[in-house]
Amino acid sequence: MGVQRKHEEIVDNCNQFSFIGMKTLAAGKIEPPKAYNYISKHNIHAVVIGMVEVEEAKIATEIALKALQK
């Protein structure tokens, strides 16, 4: 089992804690829909994202809310 799978298993099977995703867009290397669809499949209750421009914040926030409110 790879490191990513091990981390996913730990996060998904631990109900004692709430997990926060940090650097979820990997400094722009991952598109928001791909990142937040992935996050929505795991036991992650909050995300932290960094943004530079207002438009970037609007787009990423809309995508995140849509994906995470499933």
C-alpha atoms as a PDB file:
ATOM      1  CA  MET A   1       0.000   0.000   0.000  1.00  0.00           C
ATOM      2  CA  GLY A   2       1.414   3.389  -0.981  1.00  0.00           C
ATOM      3  CA  VAL A   3       1.871   6.354   1.346  1.00  0.00           C
ATOM      4  CA  GLN A   4      -1.128   8.181  -0.123  1.00  0.00           C
ATOM      5  CA  ARG A   5      -3.392   5.164   0.425  1.00  0.00           C
ATOM      6  CA  LYS A   6      -2.141   4.797   4.005  1.00  0.00           C
ATOM      7  CA  HIS A   7      -2.958   8.449   4.716  1.00  0.00           C
ATOM      8  CA  GLU A   8      -6.382   8.124   3.107  1.00  0.00           C
ATOM      9  CA  GLU A   9      -7.126   5.053   5.219  1.00  0.00           C
ATOM     10  CA  ILE A  10      -6.092   6.803   8.436  1.00  0.00           C
ATOM     11  CA  VAL A  11      -8.177   9.891   7.646  1.00  0.00           C
ATOM     12  CA  ASP A  12     -11.221   7.966   6.468  1.00  0.00           C
ATOM     13  CA  ASN A  13     -11.290   5.548   9.393  1.00  0.00           C
ATOM     14  CA  CYS A  14     -10.657   7.987  12.232  1.00  0.00           C
ATOM     15  CA  ASN A  15     -13.873   9.416  13.662  1.00  0.00           C
ATOM     16  CA  GLN A  16     -12.271  10.819  16.814  1.00  0.00           C
ATOM     17  CA  PHE A  17     -10.804  13.837  15.012  1.00  0.00           C
ATOM     18  CA  SER A  18     -11.769  16.355  12.364  1.00  0.00           C
ATOM     19  CA  PHE A  19      -9.238  16.765   9.580  1.00  0.00           C
ATOM     20  CA  ILE A  20      -8.287  19.949   7.740  1.00  0.00           C
ATOM     21  CA  GLY A  21      -6.880  19.911   4.212  1.00  0.00           C
ATOM     22  CA  MET A  22      -4.034  22.389   3.768  1.00  0.00           C
ATOM     23  CA  LYS A  23      -2.501  23.609   0.516  1.00  0.00           C
ATOM     24  CA  THR A  24      -5.342  21.862  -1.267  1.00  0.00           C
ATOM     25  CA  LEU A  25      -4.629  23.483  -4.631  1.00  0.00           C
ATOM     26  CA  ALA A  26      -0.859  22.829  -4.496  1.00  0.00           C
ATOM     27  CA  ALA A  27       0.066  26.413  -5.393  1.00  0.00           C
ATOM     28  CA  GLY A  28      -2.106  26.316  -8.511  1.00  0.00           C
ATOM     29  CA  LYS A  29      -0.843  22.955  -9.751  1.00  0.00           C
ATOM     30  CA  ILE A  30      -4.206  21.242  -9.140  1.00  0.00           C
ATOM     31  CA  GLU A  31      -7.425  22.589 -10.647  1.00  0.00           C
ATOM     32  CA  PRO A  32     -10.076  23.391  -7.987  1.00  0.00           C
ATOM     33  CA  PRO A  33     -12.720  20.932  -9.302  1.00  0.00           C
ATOM     34  CA  LYS A  34     -10.252  18.042  -9.204  1.00  0.00           C
ATOM     35  CA  ALA A  35      -8.972  18.983  -5.736  1.00  0.00           C
ATOM     36  CA  TYR A  36     -12.362  19.446  -4.124  1.00  0.00           C
ATOM     37  CA  ASN A  37     -13.960  16.404  -5.696  1.00  0.00           C
ATOM     38  CA  TYR A  38     -11.086  14.363  -4.242  1.00  0.00           C
ATOM     39  CA  ILE A  39     -11.415  16.019  -0.826  1.00  0.00           C
ATOM     40  CA  SER A  40     -15.176  15.448  -0.745  1.00  0.00           C
ATOM     41  CA  LYS A  41     -14.576  11.685  -0.860  1.00  0.00           C
ATOM     42  CA  HIS A  42     -12.598  11.701   2.386  1.00  0.00           C
ATOM     43  CA  ASN A  43     -13.133  12.528   6.061  1.00  0.00           C
ATOM     44  CA  ILE A  44     -11.964  16.135   5.705  1.00  0.00           C
ATOM     45  CA  HIS A  45     -14.098  18.802   7.388  1.00  0.00           C
ATOM     46  CA  ALA A  46     -12.338  22.023   6.368  1.00  0.00           C
ATOM     47  CA  VAL A  47      -9.802  23.277   3.855  1.00  0.00           C
ATOM     48  CA  VAL A  48      -7.260  26.065   3.786  1.00  0.00           C
ATOM     49  CA  ILE A  49      -6.501  27.729   0.490  1.00  0.00           C
ATOM     50  CA  GLY A  50      -4.300  30.658  -0.440  1.00  0.00           C
ATOM     51  CA  MET A  51      -5.425  33.117  -3.083  1.00  0.00           C
ATOM     52  CA  VAL A  52      -3.911  36.192  -4.633  1.00  0.00           C
ATOM     53  CA  GLU A  53      -6.728  37.791  -6.629  1.00  0.00           C
ATOM     54  CA  VAL A  54     -10.375  38.421  -5.755  1.00  0.00           C
ATOM     55  CA  GLU A  55     -11.615  36.600  -8.877  1.00  0.00           C
ATOM     56  CA  GLU A  56      -9.480  33.602  -7.988  1.00  0.00           C
ATOM     57  CA  ALA A  57     -11.044  33.581  -4.510  1.00  0.00           C
ATOM     58  CA  LYS A  58     -14.577  33.728  -5.917  1.00  0.00           C
ATOM     59  CA  ILE A  59     -14.017  30.880  -8.362  1.00  0.00           C
ATOM     60  CA  ALA A  60     -12.217  28.578  -5.908  1.00  0.00           C
ATOM     61  CA  THR A  61     -14.780  29.248  -3.154  1.00  0.00           C
ATOM     62  CA  GLU A  62     -17.758  28.510  -5.423  1.00  0.00           C
ATOM     63  CA  ILE A  63     -16.182  25.253  -6.614  1.00  0.00           C
ATOM     64  CA  ALA A  64     -15.216  24.208  -3.089  1.00  0.00           C
ATOM     65  CA  LEU A  65     -18.677  24.879  -1.656  1.00  0.00           C
ATOM     66  CA  LYS A  66     -20.351  22.985  -4.477  1.00  0.00           C
ATOM     67  CA  ALA A  67     -18.071  19.948  -4.086  1.00  0.00           C
ATOM     68  CA  LEU A  68     -17.978  19.882  -0.290  1.00  0.00           C
ATOM     69  CA  GLN A  69     -21.702  20.322   0.353  1.00  0.00           C
ATOM     70  CA  LYS A  70     -22.564  16.957  -1.200  1.00  0.00           C
END
